[in-house]
């Protein structure tokens, strides 16, 4: 998931001259909603509901909770299914930007 999201931001470079703003925004959102900066259990219930839908928590927080044994059974299966969903969605978005970007690409110089 993280790979495809990072590649998509890189492919934005086909359309703009600067991707730093996109990278910084992604990094800030990722740090906050992945559980890397603050564990997700400290967020309000309404925010946790949103975070469980977004892909960020399934990159850091979910795997760490599985490794320490806090998630098992049907919740584990549900998490893996959501991760699979986000892998497919981020791949499709990445592939879209690649196809559109490579058509627009033009190299100058050697």
N, C-alpha and C. Protein backbone atom coordinates (compact mmCIF):
# COMPACT_ATOMS: atom_id res chain seq x y z
N UNK A 1 0.84 -1.18 0.00
CA UNK A 1 0.00 0.00 0.00
C UNK A 1 0.89 1.24 0.00
N UNK A 2 1.85 1.25 0.88
CA UNK A 2 2.75 2.41 1.00
C UNK A 2 3.55 2.60 -0.29
N UNK A 3 4.00 1.50 -0.87
CA UNK A 3 4.76 1.57 -2.11
C UNK A 3 3.94 2.21 -3.22
N UNK A 4 2.73 1.74 -3.43
CA UNK A 4 1.90 2.28 -4.50
C UNK A 4 1.52 3.74 -4.25
N UNK A 5 1.30 4.10 -2.99
CA UNK A 5 0.98 5.50 -2.69
C UNK A 5 2.19 6.39 -2.97
N UNK A 6 3.38 5.94 -2.59
CA UNK A 6 4.59 6.72 -2.85
C UNK A 6 4.88 6.81 -4.35
N UNK A 7 4.67 5.74 -5.06
CA UNK A 7 4.88 5.76 -6.51
C UNK A 7 3.91 6.72 -7.19
N UNK A 8 2.67 6.74 -6.73
CA UNK A 8 1.68 7.66 -7.30
C UNK A 8 2.12 9.10 -7.10
N UNK A 9 2.62 9.42 -5.92
CA UNK A 9 3.12 10.78 -5.69
C UNK A 9 4.30 11.08 -6.61
N UNK A 10 5.15 10.09 -6.81
CA UNK A 10 6.26 10.27 -7.75
C UNK A 10 5.77 10.51 -9.18
N UNK A 11 4.71 9.81 -9.57
CA UNK A 11 4.17 9.97 -10.92
C UNK A 11 3.49 11.31 -11.13
N UNK A 12 3.13 11.98 -10.03
CA UNK A 12 2.57 13.33 -10.14
C UNK A 12 3.62 14.25 -10.79
N UNK A 13 4.89 13.89 -10.66
CA UNK A 13 5.97 14.64 -11.30
C UNK A 13 5.86 14.72 -12.81
N UNK A 14 5.10 13.82 -13.41
CA UNK A 14 4.85 13.91 -14.84
C UNK A 14 4.02 15.14 -15.19
N UNK A 15 3.20 15.58 -14.25
CA UNK A 15 2.25 16.64 -14.51
C UNK A 15 2.65 17.98 -13.90
N UNK A 16 3.54 17.96 -12.93
CA UNK A 16 3.97 19.19 -12.27
C UNK A 16 5.50 19.24 -12.26
N UNK A 17 6.02 20.41 -11.96
CA UNK A 17 7.47 20.53 -11.88
C UNK A 17 7.99 20.28 -10.46
N UNK A 18 7.10 20.24 -9.50
CA UNK A 18 7.50 20.08 -8.10
C UNK A 18 6.51 19.16 -7.37
N UNK A 19 7.03 18.14 -6.71
CA UNK A 19 6.17 17.21 -5.97
C UNK A 19 6.36 17.31 -4.46
N UNK A 20 7.19 18.23 -4.02
CA UNK A 20 7.50 18.33 -2.60
C UNK A 20 6.26 18.59 -1.76
N UNK A 21 5.36 19.43 -2.23
CA UNK A 21 4.13 19.72 -1.49
C UNK A 21 3.28 18.48 -1.31
N UNK A 22 3.17 17.69 -2.37
CA UNK A 22 2.41 16.44 -2.29
C UNK A 22 3.07 15.47 -1.31
N UNK A 23 4.40 15.37 -1.38
CA UNK A 23 5.14 14.48 -0.49
C UNK A 23 4.98 14.89 0.97
N UNK A 24 5.12 16.18 1.24
CA UNK A 24 5.01 16.67 2.61
C UNK A 24 3.60 16.47 3.16
N UNK A 25 2.59 16.71 2.35
CA UNK A 25 1.21 16.51 2.78
C UNK A 25 0.96 15.03 3.06
N UNK A 26 1.40 14.18 2.16
CA UNK A 26 1.24 12.74 2.37
C UNK A 26 1.95 12.30 3.65
N UNK A 27 3.19 12.77 3.84
CA UNK A 27 3.94 12.39 5.03
C UNK A 27 3.24 12.82 6.31
N UNK A 28 2.69 14.03 6.32
CA UNK A 28 1.98 14.53 7.52
C UNK A 28 0.74 13.70 7.81
N UNK A 29 -0.05 13.43 6.78
CA UNK A 29 -1.26 12.62 6.95
C UNK A 29 -0.89 11.20 7.37
N UNK A 30 0.14 10.65 6.73
CA UNK A 30 0.59 9.30 7.05
C UNK A 30 1.05 9.20 8.50
N UNK A 31 1.88 10.14 8.93
CA UNK A 31 2.39 10.12 10.30
C UNK A 31 1.25 10.18 11.32
N UNK A 32 0.24 10.98 11.04
CA UNK A 32 -0.86 11.15 11.98
C UNK A 32 -1.82 9.96 12.00
N UNK A 33 -2.23 9.50 10.83
CA UNK A 33 -3.29 8.49 10.75
C UNK A 33 -2.80 7.05 10.61
N UNK A 34 -1.49 6.82 10.60
CA UNK A 34 -0.99 5.45 10.50
C UNK A 34 -0.75 4.82 11.86
N UNK A 35 -0.77 5.63 12.90
CA UNK A 35 -0.45 5.13 14.23
C UNK A 35 1.03 5.20 14.52
N UNK A 36 1.79 5.79 13.61
CA UNK A 36 3.23 5.89 13.79
C UNK A 36 3.59 6.99 14.80
N UNK A 37 2.88 8.08 14.76
CA UNK A 37 3.14 9.21 15.65
C UNK A 37 2.39 9.08 16.97
N UNK A 38 1.10 8.78 16.87
CA UNK A 38 0.23 8.62 18.03
C UNK A 38 -0.56 7.32 17.84
N UNK A 39 -0.54 6.42 18.81
CA UNK A 39 -1.34 5.20 18.65
C UNK A 39 -2.81 5.55 18.41
N UNK A 40 -3.43 4.81 17.52
CA UNK A 40 -4.79 5.13 17.09
C UNK A 40 -5.82 5.01 18.22
N UNK A 41 -5.51 4.28 19.27
CA UNK A 41 -6.46 4.15 20.37
C UNK A 41 -6.66 5.46 21.13
N UNK A 42 -5.78 6.42 20.94
CA UNK A 42 -5.90 7.71 21.61
C UNK A 42 -6.80 8.69 20.85
N UNK A 43 -7.24 8.33 19.66
CA UNK A 43 -8.12 9.19 18.87
C UNK A 43 -9.56 9.03 19.35
N UNK A 44 -10.40 10.05 19.13
CA UNK A 44 -11.83 9.91 19.45
C UNK A 44 -12.47 8.80 18.61
N UNK A 45 -13.57 8.26 19.08
CA UNK A 45 -14.23 7.13 18.42
C UNK A 45 -14.60 7.46 16.98
N UNK A 46 -15.11 8.68 16.74
CA UNK A 46 -15.50 9.07 15.37
C UNK A 46 -14.29 9.08 14.44
N UNK A 47 -13.15 9.53 14.92
CA UNK A 47 -11.94 9.57 14.10
C UNK A 47 -11.42 8.15 13.86
N UNK A 48 -11.51 7.29 14.87
CA UNK A 48 -11.07 5.90 14.70
C UNK A 48 -11.90 5.21 13.62
N UNK A 49 -13.19 5.50 13.56
CA UNK A 49 -14.04 4.95 12.50
C UNK A 49 -13.55 5.34 11.13
N UNK A 50 -13.15 6.60 10.98
CA UNK A 50 -12.62 7.08 9.70
C UNK A 50 -11.27 6.45 9.39
N UNK A 51 -10.42 6.37 10.40
CA UNK A 51 -9.08 5.82 10.21
C UNK A 51 -9.14 4.35 9.84
N UNK A 52 -10.14 3.62 10.35
CA UNK A 52 -10.27 2.21 10.00
C UNK A 52 -10.67 2.00 8.54
N UNK A 53 -11.19 3.04 7.91
CA UNK A 53 -11.54 2.95 6.50
C UNK A 53 -10.36 3.33 5.61
N UNK A 54 -9.56 4.30 6.06
CA UNK A 54 -8.42 4.79 5.29
C UNK A 54 -7.28 3.76 5.29
N UNK A 55 -6.39 3.82 4.30
CA UNK A 55 -5.32 2.82 4.21
C UNK A 55 -4.18 3.01 5.20
N UNK A 56 -4.03 4.19 5.79
CA UNK A 56 -2.84 4.50 6.57
C UNK A 56 -2.66 3.59 7.79
N UNK A 57 -3.73 3.29 8.48
CA UNK A 57 -3.65 2.43 9.66
C UNK A 57 -3.25 1.01 9.33
N UNK A 58 -3.46 0.58 8.10
CA UNK A 58 -3.14 -0.78 7.70
C UNK A 58 -1.70 -0.92 7.21
N UNK A 59 -0.96 0.18 7.26
CA UNK A 59 0.46 0.15 6.90
C UNK A 59 1.32 -0.03 8.15
N UNK A 60 0.97 0.63 9.24
CA UNK A 60 1.79 0.58 10.45
C UNK A 60 1.03 -0.01 11.63
N UNK A 61 -0.11 0.56 11.97
CA UNK A 61 -0.80 0.21 13.21
C UNK A 61 -1.33 -1.22 13.20
N UNK A 62 -2.03 -1.60 12.16
CA UNK A 62 -2.60 -2.94 12.09
C UNK A 62 -1.53 -4.03 12.17
N UNK A 63 -0.47 -3.96 11.34
CA UNK A 63 0.56 -5.01 11.46
C UNK A 63 1.21 -5.06 12.85
N UNK A 64 1.43 -3.90 13.45
CA UNK A 64 2.05 -3.91 14.78
C UNK A 64 1.11 -4.54 15.82
N UNK A 65 -0.18 -4.28 15.71
CA UNK A 65 -1.15 -4.87 16.63
C UNK A 65 -1.26 -6.38 16.43
N UNK A 66 -1.13 -6.83 15.20
CA UNK A 66 -1.16 -8.27 14.93
C UNK A 66 0.07 -8.92 15.55
N UNK A 67 1.24 -8.30 15.40
CA UNK A 67 2.48 -8.88 15.92
C UNK A 67 2.49 -8.98 17.44
N UNK A 68 1.88 -8.02 18.12
CA UNK A 68 1.87 -8.10 19.59
C UNK A 68 0.68 -8.90 20.12
N UNK A 69 -0.17 -9.38 19.22
CA UNK A 69 -1.25 -10.28 19.60
C UNK A 69 -2.55 -9.61 20.02
N UNK A 70 -2.72 -8.33 19.73
CA UNK A 70 -3.96 -7.64 20.10
C UNK A 70 -5.09 -7.87 19.12
N UNK A 71 -4.79 -8.38 17.94
CA UNK A 71 -5.81 -8.61 16.92
C UNK A 71 -5.75 -10.08 16.52
N UNK A 72 -6.90 -10.74 16.52
CA UNK A 72 -6.97 -12.14 16.10
C UNK A 72 -8.38 -12.46 15.63
N UNK A 73 -8.55 -13.64 15.11
CA UNK A 73 -9.88 -14.12 14.71
C UNK A 73 -10.46 -13.36 13.53
N UNK A 74 -11.74 -13.04 13.66
CA UNK A 74 -12.45 -12.37 12.55
C UNK A 74 -11.93 -10.96 12.31
N UNK A 75 -11.45 -10.31 13.37
CA UNK A 75 -10.89 -8.96 13.20
C UNK A 75 -9.61 -9.02 12.37
N UNK A 76 -8.84 -10.07 12.53
CA UNK A 76 -7.63 -10.27 11.74
C UNK A 76 -7.99 -10.49 10.27
N UNK A 77 -8.97 -11.35 10.02
CA UNK A 77 -9.41 -11.61 8.65
C UNK A 77 -9.96 -10.34 8.00
N UNK A 78 -10.75 -9.58 8.75
CA UNK A 78 -11.30 -8.32 8.25
C UNK A 78 -10.17 -7.35 7.89
N UNK A 79 -9.17 -7.26 8.74
CA UNK A 79 -8.03 -6.38 8.48
C UNK A 79 -7.27 -6.79 7.23
N UNK A 80 -7.05 -8.10 7.05
CA UNK A 80 -6.36 -8.57 5.85
C UNK A 80 -7.18 -8.29 4.59
N UNK A 81 -8.49 -8.41 4.70
CA UNK A 81 -9.34 -8.12 3.54
C UNK A 81 -9.29 -6.63 3.19
N UNK A 82 -9.29 -5.78 4.20
CA UNK A 82 -9.19 -4.34 3.94
C UNK A 82 -7.82 -4.00 3.36
N UNK A 83 -6.77 -4.63 3.87
CA UNK A 83 -5.44 -4.42 3.30
C UNK A 83 -5.42 -4.84 1.83
N UNK A 84 -5.99 -5.99 1.52
CA UNK A 84 -6.06 -6.44 0.13
C UNK A 84 -6.81 -5.47 -0.75
N UNK A 85 -7.92 -4.97 -0.23
CA UNK A 85 -8.69 -3.97 -0.96
C UNK A 85 -7.83 -2.75 -1.27
N UNK A 86 -7.11 -2.24 -0.27
CA UNK A 86 -6.28 -1.05 -0.48
C UNK A 86 -5.10 -1.31 -1.40
N UNK A 87 -4.56 -2.52 -1.38
CA UNK A 87 -3.49 -2.85 -2.33
C UNK A 87 -4.02 -2.74 -3.75
N UNK A 88 -5.20 -3.28 -3.99
CA UNK A 88 -5.79 -3.23 -5.34
C UNK A 88 -6.12 -1.80 -5.73
N UNK A 89 -6.74 -1.04 -4.83
CA UNK A 89 -7.12 0.35 -5.14
C UNK A 89 -5.89 1.21 -5.41
N UNK A 90 -4.87 1.11 -4.54
CA UNK A 90 -3.68 1.93 -4.74
C UNK A 90 -2.92 1.51 -6.01
N UNK A 91 -2.94 0.22 -6.33
CA UNK A 91 -2.32 -0.24 -7.58
C UNK A 91 -3.03 0.37 -8.79
N UNK A 92 -4.35 0.36 -8.78
CA UNK A 92 -5.12 0.91 -9.90
C UNK A 92 -4.84 2.41 -10.06
N UNK A 93 -4.82 3.14 -8.95
CA UNK A 93 -4.54 4.58 -9.01
C UNK A 93 -3.12 4.82 -9.52
N UNK A 94 -2.16 4.04 -9.03
CA UNK A 94 -0.78 4.17 -9.46
C UNK A 94 -0.65 3.88 -10.96
N UNK A 95 -1.28 2.81 -11.40
CA UNK A 95 -1.23 2.43 -12.82
C UNK A 95 -1.86 3.51 -13.69
N UNK A 96 -2.96 4.11 -13.23
CA UNK A 96 -3.62 5.20 -13.95
C UNK A 96 -2.66 6.38 -14.13
N UNK A 97 -2.02 6.80 -13.05
CA UNK A 97 -1.08 7.92 -13.14
C UNK A 97 0.12 7.58 -14.03
N UNK A 98 0.57 6.33 -14.00
CA UNK A 98 1.68 5.91 -14.84
C UNK A 98 1.29 5.99 -16.32
N UNK A 99 0.13 5.45 -16.65
CA UNK A 99 -0.31 5.44 -18.06
C UNK A 99 -0.52 6.86 -18.56
N UNK A 100 -1.22 7.70 -17.79
CA UNK A 100 -1.45 9.08 -18.20
C UNK A 100 -0.15 9.87 -18.22
N UNK A 101 0.72 9.63 -17.26
CA UNK A 101 1.97 10.38 -17.17
C UNK A 101 2.96 10.04 -18.26
N UNK A 102 3.06 8.78 -18.63
CA UNK A 102 4.02 8.37 -19.64
C UNK A 102 3.63 8.90 -21.02
N UNK A 103 2.33 9.10 -21.23
CA UNK A 103 1.87 9.71 -22.48
C UNK A 103 2.25 11.18 -22.54
N UNK A 104 2.30 11.83 -21.39
CA UNK A 104 2.61 13.26 -21.32
C UNK A 104 4.12 13.52 -21.26
N UNK A 105 4.90 12.53 -20.88
CA UNK A 105 6.33 12.69 -20.63
C UNK A 105 7.09 13.08 -21.89
N UNK A 106 8.01 14.01 -21.72
CA UNK A 106 8.93 14.34 -22.79
C UNK A 106 10.29 14.68 -22.16
N UNK A 107 11.34 14.06 -22.64
CA UNK A 107 12.67 14.26 -22.10
C UNK A 107 13.39 15.31 -22.91
N UNK A 108 14.20 16.10 -22.23
CA UNK A 108 14.98 17.16 -22.89
C UNK A 108 16.44 16.92 -22.54
N UNK A 109 17.30 16.95 -23.52
CA UNK A 109 18.73 16.76 -23.28
C UNK A 109 19.14 15.34 -23.56
N UNK A 110 20.29 14.97 -23.07
CA UNK A 110 20.82 13.64 -23.32
C UNK A 110 20.32 12.64 -22.34
